[in-house]
Each structure stands twice: as structure tokens, then as C-alpha cells.
Amino acid sequence: MQEVAVAKRSKAARKGNSPNEVLSELKTLLIGYGRQEIVTPLTQLGKTLKLGILGALSIGVGLVFLSVAGLRLLQTEASGVFDGNMSALPYLMVLVGLLAVLAALVAARTRISRGGR
């Protein structure tokens, strides 16, 4: 013969308690479930997002400072080389450097998202 699986009844239902007590237990159960499955993951996600945004801002500010420092270095130490028609060349060199860093970051991100292959 086939056995029919019977769902376990709650403590309140087994005792034959009133519907108000059963509803109170259901409310407590739903609130606990909501905290476990919704609130806790969202707080963990918030912490992760805070760290990610802070890291992205730090890298961005660092790259801005490095690019300005590189530009100042090219303009002061190589004075006379980039005069006249070649005055835009330090800006172009810094832009190419920033694009290279961006390409390296995108390549690393792609490699990480694929599982390190």
C-alpha cells in the first residue's frame, strides 16, 4: 500500500488551541521567515555594496591623481620637448595610459567572472 505523507501540525494546532493562537503563531513564523530570507541577505548585500563602492571610488581617485602626476611629470621634466606643435602630446600619452589601465581592469574583471580561466 502507499503511505500518504501527513504534514506535521504546529504545536498550537495539535493542542487544539483557538484560531487566534494559531494566527499568532503563523504571524511569528512569517516574521521570522521574512527576517531570515529577506532582511538578512539585504543587509549583507548592503555591506558588500558599501565596500565595493568605497573601493571603486578609491581606485578612481588614485587614477586621477596618478594621471595628473604623470601629466605634470611630462610637462616639467621634458620641457622643451613638447613645445609648439607637440604641446598636446603629454595629454595624449596620459590618455593612452589611462585607456591601457582601463583595458587591463576590464580584462581582469572578465577573467574573474568566467571563473579564472
PDB file of N, CA and C in Angstrom:
ATOM      1  N   MET A   1       0.820  -1.181   0.000  1.00  0.00           N
ATOM      2  CA  MET A   1       0.000   0.000   0.000  1.00  0.00           C
ATOM      3  C   MET A   1       0.870   1.252   0.000  1.00  0.00           C
ATOM      4  N   GLN A   2       0.325   2.330  -0.488  1.00  0.00           N
ATOM      5  CA  GLN A   2       1.044   3.592  -0.493  1.00  0.00           C
ATOM      6  C   GLN A   2       0.802   4.328   0.818  1.00  0.00           C
ATOM      7  N   GLU A   3       1.907   4.897   1.312  1.00  0.00           N
ATOM      8  CA  GLU A   3       1.782   5.691   2.524  1.00  0.00           C
ATOM      9  C   GLU A   3       1.602   7.145   2.128  1.00  0.00           C
ATOM     10  N   VAL A   4       0.681   7.778   2.756  1.00  0.00           N
ATOM     11  CA  VAL A   4       0.424   9.190   2.494  1.00  0.00           C
ATOM     12  C   VAL A   4       1.200  10.001   3.517  1.00  0.00           C
ATOM     13  N   ALA A   5       1.997  10.944   2.991  1.00  0.00           N
ATOM     14  CA  ALA A   5       2.768  11.795   3.887  1.00  0.00           C
ATOM     15  C   ALA A   5       1.840  12.820   4.520  1.00  0.00           C
ATOM     16  N   VAL A   6       1.831  12.822   5.807  1.00  0.00           N
ATOM     17  CA  VAL A   6       0.994  13.758   6.545  1.00  0.00           C
ATOM     18  C   VAL A   6       1.891  14.892   7.042  1.00  0.00           C
ATOM     19  N   ALA A   7       1.474  16.098   6.745  1.00  0.00           N
ATOM     20  CA  ALA A   7       2.242  17.251   7.183  1.00  0.00           C
ATOM     21  C   ALA A   7       2.163  17.369   8.697  1.00  0.00           C
ATOM     22  N   LYS A   8       3.287  17.741   9.285  1.00  0.00           N
ATOM     23  CA  LYS A   8       3.303  17.926  10.730  1.00  0.00           C
ATOM     24  C   LYS A   8       2.456  19.130  11.097  1.00  0.00           C
ATOM     25  N   ARG A   9       1.723  18.982  12.112  1.00  0.00           N
ATOM     26  CA  ARG A   9       0.891  20.083  12.571  1.00  0.00           C
ATOM     27  C   ARG A   9       1.674  20.905  13.580  1.00  0.00           C
ATOM     28  N   SER A  10       1.336  22.162  13.653  1.00  0.00           N
ATOM     29  CA  SER A  10       2.024  23.032  14.593  1.00  0.00           C
ATOM     30  C   SER A  10       1.606  22.688  16.015  1.00  0.00           C
ATOM     31  N   LYS A  11       2.375  23.192  16.962  1.00  0.00           N
ATOM     32  CA  LYS A  11       2.077  22.940  18.372  1.00  0.00           C
ATOM     33  C   LYS A  11       0.693  23.443  18.736  1.00  0.00           C
ATOM     34  N   ALA A  12       0.377  24.619  18.224  1.00  0.00           N
ATOM     35  CA  ALA A  12      -0.923  25.208  18.552  1.00  0.00           C
ATOM     36  C   ALA A  12      -2.063  24.380  17.961  1.00  0.00           C
ATOM     37  N   ALA A  13      -1.873  23.858  16.746  1.00  0.00           N
ATOM     38  CA  ALA A  13      -2.931  23.075  16.112  1.00  0.00           C
ATOM     39  C   ALA A  13      -3.057  21.712  16.786  1.00  0.00           C
ATOM     40  N   ARG A  14      -1.966  21.111  17.223  1.00  0.00           N
ATOM     41  CA  ARG A  14      -2.028  19.805  17.894  1.00  0.00           C
ATOM     42  C   ARG A  14      -2.748  19.892  19.224  1.00  0.00           C
ATOM     43  N   LYS A  15      -2.554  20.993  19.897  1.00  0.00           N
ATOM     44  CA  LYS A  15      -3.176  21.148  21.209  1.00  0.00           C
ATOM     45  C   LYS A  15      -4.646  21.508  21.086  1.00  0.00           C
ATOM     46  N   GLY A  16      -5.081  21.805  19.876  1.00  0.00           N
ATOM     47  CA  GLY A  16      -6.462  22.190  19.690  1.00  0.00           C
ATOM     48  C   GLY A  16      -6.730  23.599  20.174  1.00  0.00           C
ATOM     49  N   ASN A  17      -5.728  24.466  20.033  1.00  0.00           N
ATOM     50  CA  ASN A  17      -5.866  25.840  20.510  1.00  0.00           C
ATOM     51  C   ASN A  17      -6.804  26.627  19.616  1.00  0.00           C
ATOM     52  N   SER A  18      -7.114  27.792  20.062  1.00  0.00           N
ATOM     53  CA  SER A  18      -8.062  28.635  19.346  1.00  0.00           C
ATOM     54  C   SER A  18      -7.420  29.185  18.065  1.00  0.00           C
ATOM     55  N   PRO A  19      -8.261  29.604  17.142  1.00  0.00           N
ATOM     56  CA  PRO A  19      -7.737  30.178  15.898  1.00  0.00           C
ATOM     57  C   PRO A  19      -6.858  31.404  16.138  1.00  0.00           C
ATOM     58  N   ASN A  20      -7.139  32.168  17.174  1.00  0.00           N
ATOM     59  CA  ASN A  20      -6.302  33.342  17.469  1.00  0.00           C
ATOM     60  C   ASN A  20      -4.869  32.930  17.804  1.00  0.00           C
ATOM     61  N   GLU A  21      -4.718  31.863  18.569  1.00  0.00           N
ATOM     62  CA  GLU A  21      -3.372  31.390  18.908  1.00  0.00           C
ATOM     63  C   GLU A  21      -2.662  30.834  17.681  1.00  0.00           C
ATOM     64  N   VAL A  22      -3.410  30.152  16.815  1.00  0.00           N
ATOM     65  CA  VAL A  22      -2.816  29.633  15.573  1.00  0.00           C
ATOM     66  C   VAL A  22      -2.377  30.793  14.692  1.00  0.00           C
ATOM     67  N   LEU A  23      -3.192  31.830  14.573  1.00  0.00           N
ATOM     68  CA  LEU A  23      -2.827  33.002  13.780  1.00  0.00           C
ATOM     69  C   LEU A  23      -1.631  33.732  14.381  1.00  0.00           C
ATOM     70  N   SER A  24      -1.567  33.797  15.697  1.00  0.00           N
ATOM     71  CA  SER A  24      -0.424  34.422  16.357  1.00  0.00           C
ATOM     72  C   SER A  24       0.852  33.653  16.053  1.00  0.00           C
ATOM     73  N   GLU A  25       0.771  32.328  16.085  1.00  0.00           N
ATOM     74  CA  GLU A  25       1.948  31.507  15.762  1.00  0.00           C
ATOM     75  C   GLU A  25       2.333  31.664  14.297  1.00  0.00           C
ATOM     76  N   LEU A  26       1.337  31.760  13.414  1.00  0.00           N
ATOM     77  CA  LEU A  26       1.609  31.962  11.988  1.00  0.00           C
ATOM     78  C   LEU A  26       2.292  33.304  11.762  1.00  0.00           C
ATOM     79  N   LYS A  27       1.815  34.334  12.461  1.00  0.00           N
ATOM     80  CA  LYS A  27       2.420  35.661  12.331  1.00  0.00           C
ATOM     81  C   LYS A  27       3.884  35.624  12.774  1.00  0.00           C
ATOM     82  N   THR A  28       4.148  34.983  13.915  1.00  0.00           N
ATOM     83  CA  THR A  28       5.521  34.873  14.412  1.00  0.00           C
ATOM     84  C   THR A  28       6.394  34.110  13.421  1.00  0.00           C
ATOM     85  N   LEU A  29       5.850  33.047  12.849  1.00  0.00           N
ATOM     86  CA  LEU A  29       6.589  32.243  11.875  1.00  0.00           C
ATOM     87  C   LEU A  29       6.908  33.046  10.624  1.00  0.00           C
ATOM     88  N   LEU A  30       5.937  33.802  10.115  1.00  0.00           N
ATOM     89  CA  LEU A  30       6.154  34.597   8.904  1.00  0.00           C
ATOM     90  C   LEU A  30       7.148  35.735   9.140  1.00  0.00           C
ATOM     91  N   ILE A  31       7.090  36.355  10.298  1.00  0.00           N
ATOM     92  CA  ILE A  31       8.049  37.423  10.605  1.00  0.00           C
ATOM     93  C   ILE A  31       9.460  36.855  10.697  1.00  0.00           C
ATOM     94  N   GLY A  32       9.604  35.716  11.338  1.00  0.00           N
ATOM     95  CA  GLY A  32      10.922  35.077  11.424  1.00  0.00           C
ATOM     96  C   GLY A  32      11.452  34.673  10.058  1.00  0.00           C
ATOM     97  N   TYR A  33      10.565  34.137   9.215  1.00  0.00           N
ATOM     98  CA  TYR A  33      10.965  33.757   7.868  1.00  0.00           C
ATOM     99  C   TYR A  33      11.363  34.983   7.045  1.00  0.00           C
ATOM    100  N   GLY A  34      10.589  36.053   7.181  1.00  0.00           N
ATOM    101  CA  GLY A  34      10.915  37.277   6.450  1.00  0.00           C
ATOM    102  C   GLY A  34      12.264  37.835   6.847  1.00  0.00           C
ATOM    103  N   ARG A  35      12.557  37.812   8.139  1.00  0.00           N
ATOM    104  CA  ARG A  35      13.870  38.287   8.592  1.00  0.00           C
ATOM    105  C   ARG A  35      14.982  37.410   8.052  1.00  0.00           C
ATOM    106  N   GLN A  36      14.768  36.104   8.075  1.00  0.00           N
ATOM    107  CA  GLN A  36      15.806  35.169   7.649  1.00  0.00           C
ATOM    108  C   GLN A  36      16.053  35.246   6.148  1.00  0.00           C
ATOM    109  N   GLU A  37      15.008  35.336   5.358  1.00  0.00           N
ATOM    110  CA  GLU A  37      15.151  35.234   3.909  1.00  0.00           C
ATOM    111  C   GLU A  37      15.201  36.565   3.179  1.00  0.00           C
ATOM    112  N   ILE A  38      14.832  37.647   3.828  1.00  0.00           N
ATOM    113  CA  ILE A  38      14.800  38.942   3.138  1.00  0.00           C
ATOM    114  C   ILE A  38      15.731  39.949   3.802  1.00  0.00           C
ATOM    115  N   VAL A  39      15.540  40.175   5.075  1.00  0.00           N
ATOM    116  CA  VAL A  39      16.274  41.250   5.748  1.00  0.00           C
ATOM    117  C   VAL A  39      17.758  40.919   5.867  1.00  0.00           C
ATOM    118  N   THR A  40      18.091  39.713   6.306  1.00  0.00           N
ATOM    119  CA  THR A  40      19.496  39.345   6.492  1.00  0.00           C
ATOM    120  C   THR A  40      20.285  39.396   5.180  1.00  0.00           C
ATOM    121  N   PRO A  41      19.791  38.794   4.065  1.00  0.00           N
ATOM    122  CA  PRO A  41      20.554  38.920   2.810  1.00  0.00           C
ATOM    123  C   PRO A  41      20.680  40.355   2.327  1.00  0.00           C
ATOM    124  N   LEU A  42      19.659  41.177   2.539  1.00  0.00           N
ATOM    125  CA  LEU A  42      19.754  42.566   2.101  1.00  0.00           C
ATOM    126  C   LEU A  42      20.780  43.357   2.904  1.00  0.00           C
ATOM    127  N   THR A  43      20.877  43.082   4.193  1.00  0.00           N
ATOM    128  CA  THR A  43      21.903  43.774   4.977  1.00  0.00           C
ATOM    129  C   THR A  43      23.300  43.329   4.563  1.00  0.00           C
ATOM    130  N   GLN A  44      23.460  42.038   4.256  1.00  0.00           N
ATOM    131  CA  GLN A  44      24.763  41.557   3.783  1.00  0.00           C
ATOM    132  C   GLN A  44      25.093  42.160   2.428  1.00  0.00           C
ATOM    133  N   LEU A  45      24.094  42.292   1.553  1.00  0.00           N
ATOM    134  CA  LEU A  45      24.303  42.921   0.258  1.00  0.00           C
ATOM    135  C   LEU A  45      24.694  44.382   0.422  1.00  0.00           C
ATOM    136  N   GLY A  46      24.055  45.060   1.373  1.00  0.00           N
ATOM    137  CA  GLY A  46      24.389  46.462   1.629  1.00  0.00           C
ATOM    138  C   GLY A  46      25.829  46.631   2.077  1.00  0.00           C
ATOM    139  N   LYS A  47      26.304  45.732   2.946  1.00  0.00           N
ATOM    140  CA  LYS A  47      27.701  45.805   3.396  1.00  0.00           C
ATOM    141  C   LYS A  47      28.653  45.578   2.227  1.00  0.00           C
ATOM    142  N   THR A  48      28.327  44.609   1.376  1.00  0.00           N
ATOM    143  CA  THR A  48      29.172  44.321   0.216  1.00  0.00           C
ATOM    144  C   THR A  48      29.190  45.501  -0.746  1.00  0.00           C
ATOM    145  N   LEU A  49      28.026  46.096  -0.975  1.00  0.00           N
ATOM    146  CA  LEU A  49      27.964  47.253  -1.868  1.00  0.00           C
ATOM    147  C   LEU A  49      28.745  48.437  -1.317  1.00  0.00           C
ATOM    148  N   LYS A  50      28.677  48.657  -0.005  1.00  0.00           N
ATOM    149  CA  LYS A  50      29.448  49.748   0.593  1.00  0.00           C
ATOM    150  C   LYS A  50      30.934  49.572   0.323  1.00  0.00           C
ATOM    151  N   LEU A  51      31.427  48.356   0.547  1.00  0.00           N
ATOM    152  CA  LEU A  51      32.854  48.110   0.327  1.00  0.00           C
ATOM    153  C   LEU A  51      33.216  48.233  -1.155  1.00  0.00           C
ATOM    154  N   GLY A  52      32.345  47.763  -2.038  1.00  0.00           N
ATOM    155  CA  GLY A  52      32.612  47.856  -3.473  1.00  0.00           C
ATOM    156  C   GLY A  52      32.648  49.292  -3.955  1.00  0.00           C
ATOM    157  N   ILE A  53      31.690  50.080  -3.495  1.00  0.00           N
ATOM    158  CA  ILE A  53      31.645  51.494  -3.899  1.00  0.00           C
ATOM    159  C   ILE A  53      32.845  52.245  -3.334  1.00  0.00           C
ATOM    160  N   LEU A  54      33.196  51.951  -2.089  1.00  0.00           N
ATOM    161  CA  LEU A  54      34.361  52.594  -1.484  1.00  0.00           C
ATOM    162  C   LEU A  54      35.638  52.231  -2.244  1.00  0.00           C
ATOM    163  N   GLY A  55      35.776  50.976  -2.625  1.00  0.00           N
ATOM    164  CA  GLY A  55      36.945  50.550  -3.395  1.00  0.00           C
ATOM    165  C   GLY A  55      36.990  51.191  -4.766  1.00  0.00           C
ATOM    166  N   ALA A  56      35.845  51.270  -5.440  1.00  0.00           N
ATOM    167  CA  ALA A  56      35.800  51.891  -6.769  1.00  0.00           C
ATOM    168  C   ALA A  56      36.154  53.378  -6.692  1.00  0.00           C
ATOM    169  N   LEU A  57      35.634  54.055  -5.671  1.00  0.00           N
ATOM    170  CA  LEU A  57      35.971  55.472  -5.509  1.00  0.00           C
ATOM    171  C   LEU A  57      37.455  55.663  -5.206  1.00  0.00           C
ATOM    172  N   SER A  58      38.006  54.782  -4.392  1.00  0.00           N
ATOM    173  CA  SER A  58      39.433  54.887  -4.071  1.00  0.00           C
ATOM    174  C   SER A  58      40.294  54.682  -5.309  1.00  0.00           C
ATOM    175  N   ILE A  59      39.955  53.683  -6.105  1.00  0.00           N
ATOM    176  CA  ILE A  59      40.711  53.435  -7.336  1.00  0.00           C
ATOM    177  C   ILE A  59      40.553  54.608  -8.293  1.00  0.00           C
ATOM    178  N   GLY A  60      39.345  55.150  -8.402  1.00  0.00           N
ATOM    179  CA  GLY A  60      39.112  56.290  -9.291  1.00  0.00           C
ATOM    180  C   GLY A  60      39.908  57.516  -8.883  1.00  0.00           C
ATOM    181  N   VAL A  61      39.881  57.836  -7.599  1.00  0.00           N
ATOM    182  CA  VAL A  61      40.636  58.999  -7.115  1.00  0.00           C
ATOM    183  C   VAL A  61      42.134  58.769  -7.304  1.00  0.00           C
ATOM    184  N   GLY A  62      42.587  57.550  -7.032  1.00  0.00           N
ATOM    185  CA  GLY A  62      44.002  57.237  -7.221  1.00  0.00           C
ATOM    186  C   GLY A  62      44.434  57.376  -8.668  1.00  0.00           C
ATOM    187  N   LEU A  63      43.573  56.917  -9.601  1.00  0.00           N
ATOM    188  CA  LEU A  63      43.912  57.049 -11.018  1.00  0.00           C
ATOM    189  C   LEU A  63      43.933  58.506 -11.467  1.00  0.00           C
ATOM    190  N   VAL A  64      43.034  59.309 -10.936  1.00  0.00           N
ATOM    191  CA  VAL A  64      43.043  60.741 -11.275  1.00  0.00           C
ATOM    192  C   VAL A  64      44.342  61.378 -10.790  1.00  0.00           C
ATOM    193  N   PHE A  65      44.717  61.087  -9.540  1.00  0.00           N
ATOM    194  CA  PHE A  65      45.960  61.654  -9.014  1.00  0.00           C
ATOM    195  C   PHE A  65      47.178  61.173  -9.809  1.00  0.00           C
ATOM    196  N   LEU A  66      47.209  59.882 -10.152  1.00  0.00           N
ATOM    197  CA  LEU A  66      48.337  59.363 -10.929  1.00  0.00           C
ATOM    198  C   LEU A  66      48.400  59.973 -12.322  1.00  0.00           C
ATOM    199  N   SER A  67      47.251  60.180 -12.948  1.00  0.00           N
ATOM    200  CA  SER A  67      47.272  60.765 -14.288  1.00  0.00           C
ATOM    201  C   SER A  67      47.710  62.229 -14.244  1.00  0.00           C
ATOM    202  N   VAL A  68      47.257  62.970 -13.243  1.00  0.00           N
ATOM    203  CA  VAL A  68      47.696  64.367 -13.118  1.00  0.00           C
ATOM    204  C   VAL A  68      49.191  64.416 -12.806  1.00  0.00           C
ATOM    205  N   ALA A  69      49.661  63.507 -11.953  1.00  0.00           N
ATOM    206  CA  ALA A  69      51.091  63.464 -11.637  1.00  0.00           C
ATOM    207  C   ALA A  69      51.913  63.109 -12.878  1.00  0.00           C
ATOM    208  N   GLY A  70      51.423  62.166 -13.661  1.00  0.00           N
ATOM    209  CA  GLY A  70      52.127  61.813 -14.893  1.00  0.00           C
ATOM    210  C   GLY A  70      52.152  62.962 -15.882  1.00  0.00           C
ATOM    211  N   LEU A  71      51.049  63.664 -15.981  1.00  0.00           N
ATOM    212  CA  LEU A  71      50.991  64.815 -16.878  1.00  0.00           C
ATOM    213  C   LEU A  71      51.952  65.909 -16.425  1.00  0.00           C
ATOM    214  N   ARG A  72      51.955  66.193 -15.124  1.00  0.00           N
ATOM    215  CA  ARG A  72      52.875  67.208 -14.607  1.00  0.00           C
ATOM    216  C   ARG A  72      54.328  66.787 -14.824  1.00  0.00           C
ATOM    217  N   LEU A  73      54.615  65.506 -14.644  1.00  0.00           N
ATOM    218  CA  LEU A  73      55.968  64.996 -14.863  1.00  0.00           C
ATOM    219  C   LEU A  73      56.397  65.197 -16.308  1.00  0.00           C
ATOM    220  N   LEU A  74      55.503  64.850 -17.241  1.00  0.00           N
ATOM    221  CA  LEU A  74      55.840  65.024 -18.656  1.00  0.00           C
ATOM    222  C   LEU A  74      56.011  66.503 -19.013  1.00  0.00           C
ATOM    223  N   GLN A  75      55.216  67.363 -18.416  1.00  0.00           N
ATOM    224  CA  GLN A  75      55.295  68.774 -18.759  1.00  0.00           C
ATOM    225  C   GLN A  75      56.508  69.464 -18.140  1.00  0.00           C
ATOM    226  N   THR A  76      56.914  69.061 -16.956  1.00  0.00           N
ATOM    227  CA  THR A  76      58.026  69.762 -16.300  1.00  0.00           C
ATOM    228  C   THR A  76      59.378  69.150 -16.648  1.00  0.00           C
ATOM    229  N   GLU A  77      59.479  67.837 -16.608  1.00  0.00           N
ATOM    230  CA  GLU A  77      60.782  67.200 -16.827  1.00  0.00           C
ATOM    231  C   GLU A  77      61.180  67.166 -18.296  1.00  0.00           C
ATOM    232  N   ALA A  78      60.199  67.183 -19.167  1.00  0.00           N
ATOM    233  CA  ALA A  78      60.514  67.151 -20.596  1.00  0.00           C
ATOM    234  C   ALA A  78      60.218  68.495 -21.236  1.00  0.00           C
ATOM    235  N   SER A  79      60.469  69.556 -20.507  1.00  0.00           N
ATOM    236  CA  SER A  79      60.197  70.886 -21.062  1.00  0.00           C
ATOM    237  C   SER A  79      61.125  71.118 -22.249  1.00  0.00           C
ATOM    238  N   GLY A  80      60.579  71.682 -23.272  1.00  0.00           N
ATOM    239  CA  GLY A  80      61.328  71.915 -24.495  1.00  0.00           C
ATOM    240  C   GLY A  80      61.053  70.830 -25.516  1.00  0.00           C
ATOM    241  N   VAL A  81      60.765  69.601 -25.062  1.00  0.00           N
ATOM    242  CA  VAL A  81      60.477  68.504 -25.989  1.00  0.00           C
ATOM    243  C   VAL A  81      59.070  68.645 -26.545  1.00  0.00           C
ATOM    244  N   PHE A  82      58.138  69.019 -25.673  1.00  0.00           N
ATOM    245  CA  PHE A  82      56.741  69.094 -26.080  1.00  0.00           C
ATOM    246  C   PHE A  82      56.287  70.535 -26.300  1.00  0.00           C
ATOM    247  N   ASP A  83      57.111  71.346 -26.916  1.00  0.00           N
ATOM    248  CA  ASP A  83      56.757  72.732 -27.206  1.00  0.00           C
ATOM    249  C   ASP A  83      56.186  72.837 -28.614  1.00  0.00           C
ATOM    250  N   GLY A  84      55.477  73.911 -28.854  1.00  0.00           N
ATOM    251  CA  GLY A  84      54.965  74.189 -30.195  1.00  0.00           C
ATOM    252  C   GLY A  84      53.844  73.240 -30.591  1.00  0.00           C
ATOM    253  N   ASN A  85      54.041  72.583 -31.732  1.00  0.00           N
ATOM    254  CA  ASN A  85      53.011  71.702 -32.284  1.00  0.00           C
ATOM    255  C   ASN A  85      52.811  70.437 -31.461  1.00  0.00           C
ATOM    256  N   MET A  86      53.744  70.090 -30.595  1.00  0.00           N
ATOM    257  CA  MET A  86      53.663  68.841 -29.842  1.00  0.00           C
ATOM    258  C   MET A  86      53.190  69.057 -28.400  1.00  0.00           C
ATOM    259  N   SER A  87      52.567  70.196 -28.137  1.00  0.00           N
ATOM    260  CA  SER A  87      52.154  70.502 -26.774  1.00  0.00           C
ATOM    261  C   SER A  87      51.008  69.607 -26.296  1.00  0.00           C
ATOM    262  N   ALA A  88      50.260  69.013 -27.208  1.00  0.00           N
ATOM    263  CA  ALA A  88      49.152  68.136 -26.819  1.00  0.00           C
ATOM    264  C   ALA A  88      49.611  66.696 -26.589  1.00  0.00           C
ATOM    265  N   LEU A  89      50.843  66.387 -26.916  1.00  0.00           N
ATOM    266  CA  LEU A  89      51.330  65.008 -26.808  1.00  0.00           C
ATOM    267  C   LEU A  89      51.347  64.478 -25.371  1.00  0.00           C
ATOM    268  N   PRO A  90      51.706  65.246 -24.337  1.00  0.00           N
ATOM    269  CA  PRO A  90      51.618  64.710 -22.970  1.00  0.00           C
ATOM    270  C   PRO A  90      50.193  64.318 -22.582  1.00  0.00           C
ATOM    271  N   TYR A  91      49.215  65.107 -23.007  1.00  0.00           N
ATOM    272  CA  TYR A  91      47.828  64.771 -22.723  1.00  0.00           C
ATOM    273  C   TYR A  91      47.436  63.466 -23.415  1.00  0.00           C
ATOM    274  N   LEU A  92      47.869  63.299 -24.636  1.00  0.00           N
ATOM    275  CA  LEU A  92      47.577  62.079 -25.383  1.00  0.00           C
ATOM    276  C   LEU A  92      48.260  60.875 -24.739  1.00  0.00           C
ATOM    277  N   MET A  93      49.474  61.050 -24.271  1.00  0.00           N
ATOM    278  CA  MET A  93      50.193  59.950 -23.626  1.00  0.00           C
ATOM    279  C   MET A  93      49.499  59.527 -22.328  1.00  0.00           C
ATOM    280  N   VAL A  94      49.031  60.491 -21.556  1.00  0.00           N
ATOM    281  CA  VAL A  94      48.317  60.174 -20.320  1.00  0.00           C
ATOM    282  C   VAL A  94      46.993  59.484 -20.641  1.00  0.00           C
ATOM    283  N   LEU A  95      46.308  59.944 -21.668  1.00  0.00           N
ATOM    284  CA  LEU A  95      45.052  59.316 -22.078  1.00  0.00           C
ATOM    285  C   LEU A  95      45.277  57.873 -22.514  1.00  0.00           C
ATOM    286  N   VAL A  96      46.315  57.620 -23.282  1.00  0.00           N
ATOM    287  CA  VAL A  96      46.630  56.249 -23.704  1.00  0.00           C
ATOM    288  C   VAL A  96      46.963  55.389 -22.491  1.00  0.00           C
ATOM    289  N   GLY A  97      47.677  55.943 -21.535  1.00  0.00           N
ATOM    290  CA  GLY A  97      47.987  55.201 -20.308  1.00  0.00           C
ATOM    291  C   GLY A  97      46.733  54.842 -19.519  1.00  0.00           C
ATOM    292  N   LEU A  98      45.816  55.799 -19.403  1.00  0.00           N
ATOM    293  CA  LEU A  98      44.556  55.531 -18.710  1.00  0.00           C
ATOM    294  C   LEU A  98      43.722  54.487 -19.448  1.00  0.00           C
ATOM    295  N   LEU A  99      43.714  54.544 -20.763  1.00  0.00           N
ATOM    296  CA  LEU A  99      42.990  53.531 -21.539  1.00  0.00           C
ATOM    297  C   LEU A  99      43.610  52.145 -21.374  1.00  0.00           C
ATOM    298  N   ALA A 100      44.927  52.078 -21.252  1.00  0.00           N
ATOM    299  CA  ALA A 100      45.599  50.802 -21.019  1.00  0.00           C
ATOM    300  C   ALA A 100      45.229  50.234 -19.652  1.00  0.00           C
ATOM    301  N   VAL A 101      45.182  51.106 -18.639  1.00  0.00           N
ATOM    302  CA  VAL A 101      44.779  50.657 -17.303  1.00  0.00           C
ATOM    303  C   VAL A 101      43.328  50.182 -17.323  1.00  0.00           C
ATOM    304  N   LEU A 102      42.458  50.912 -18.020  1.00  0.00           N
ATOM    305  CA  LEU A 102      41.059  50.519 -18.139  1.00  0.00           C
ATOM    306  C   LEU A 102      40.924  49.167 -18.839  1.00  0.00           C
ATOM    307  N   ALA A 103      41.683  48.955 -19.910  1.00  0.00           N
ATOM    308  CA  ALA A 103      41.639  47.675 -20.621  1.00  0.00           C
ATOM    309  C   ALA A 103      42.117  46.535 -19.723  1.00  0.00           C
ATOM    310  N   ALA A 104      43.137  46.793 -18.925  1.00  0.00           N
ATOM    311  CA  ALA A 104      43.629  45.763 -18.004  1.00  0.00           C
ATOM    312  C   ALA A 104      42.587  45.436 -16.942  1.00  0.00           C
ATOM    313  N   LEU A 105      41.893  46.449 -16.429  1.00  0.00           N
ATOM    314  CA  LEU A 105      40.846  46.218 -15.434  1.00  0.00           C
ATOM    315  C   LEU A 105      39.680  45.430 -16.026  1.00  0.00           C
ATOM    316  N   VAL A 106      39.285  45.760 -17.251  1.00  0.00           N
ATOM    317  CA  VAL A 106      38.186  45.032 -17.896  1.00  0.00           C
ATOM    318  C   VAL A 106      38.595  43.588 -18.158  1.00  0.00           C
ATOM    319  N   ALA A 107      39.832  43.372 -18.587  1.00  0.00           N
ATOM    320  CA  ALA A 107      40.311  42.013 -18.826  1.00  0.00           C
ATOM    321  C   ALA A 107      40.344  41.203 -17.536  1.00  0.00           C
ATOM    322  N   ALA A 108      40.777  41.818 -16.454  1.00  0.00           N
ATOM    323  CA  ALA A 108      40.808  41.126 -15.162  1.00  0.00           C
ATOM    324  C   ALA A 108      39.399  40.817 -14.693  1.00  0.00           C
ATOM    325  N   ARG A 109      38.494  41.749 -14.859  1.00  0.00           N
ATOM    326  CA  ARG A 109      37.088  41.532 -14.451  1.00  0.00           C
ATOM    327  C   ARG A 109      36.458  40.406 -15.261  1.00  0.00           C
ATOM    328  N   THR A 110      36.735  40.366 -16.549  1.00  0.00           N
ATOM    329  CA  THR A 110      36.199  39.308 -17.401  1.00  0.00           C
ATOM    330  C   THR A 110      36.761  37.958 -16.989  1.00  0.00           C
ATOM    331  N   ARG A 111      38.037  37.910 -16.680  1.00  0.00           N
ATOM    332  CA  ARG A 111      38.674  36.672 -16.278  1.00  0.00           C
ATOM    333  C   ARG A 111      38.103  36.182 -14.944  1.00  0.00           C
ATOM    334  N   ILE A 112      37.861  37.097 -14.024  1.00  0.00           N
ATOM    335  CA  ILE A 112      37.301  36.726 -12.727  1.00  0.00           C
ATOM    336  C   ILE A 112      35.864  36.221 -12.874  1.00  0.00           C
ATOM    337  N   SER A 113      35.067  36.896 -13.720  1.00  0.00           N
ATOM    338  CA  SER A 113      33.666  36.493 -13.875  1.00  0.00           C
ATOM    339  C   SER A 113      33.537  35.153 -14.583  1.00  0.00           C
ATOM    340  N   ARG A 114      34.529  34.745 -15.356  1.00  0.00           N
ATOM    341  CA  ARG A 114      34.497  33.449 -16.030  1.00  0.00           C
ATOM    342  C   ARG A 114      35.039  32.327 -15.148  1.00  0.00           C
ATOM    343  N   GLY A 115      35.457  32.647 -13.981  1.00  0.00           N
ATOM    344  CA  GLY A 115      35.943  31.631 -13.069  1.00  0.00           C
ATOM    345  C   GLY A 115      37.445  31.445 -13.097  1.00  0.00           C
ATOM    346  N   GLY A 116      38.178  32.425 -13.553  1.00  0.00           N
ATOM    347  CA  GLY A 116      39.631  32.375 -13.524  1.00  0.00           C
ATOM    348  C   GLY A 116      40.270  31.544 -14.617  1.00  0.00           C
ATOM    349  N   ARG A 117      39.568  31.382 -15.724  1.00  0.00           N
ATOM    350  CA  ARG A 117      40.119  30.586 -16.832  1.00  0.00           C
ATOM    351  C   ARG A 117      41.155  31.331 -17.607  1.00  0.00           C
TER     352      ARG A 117
END
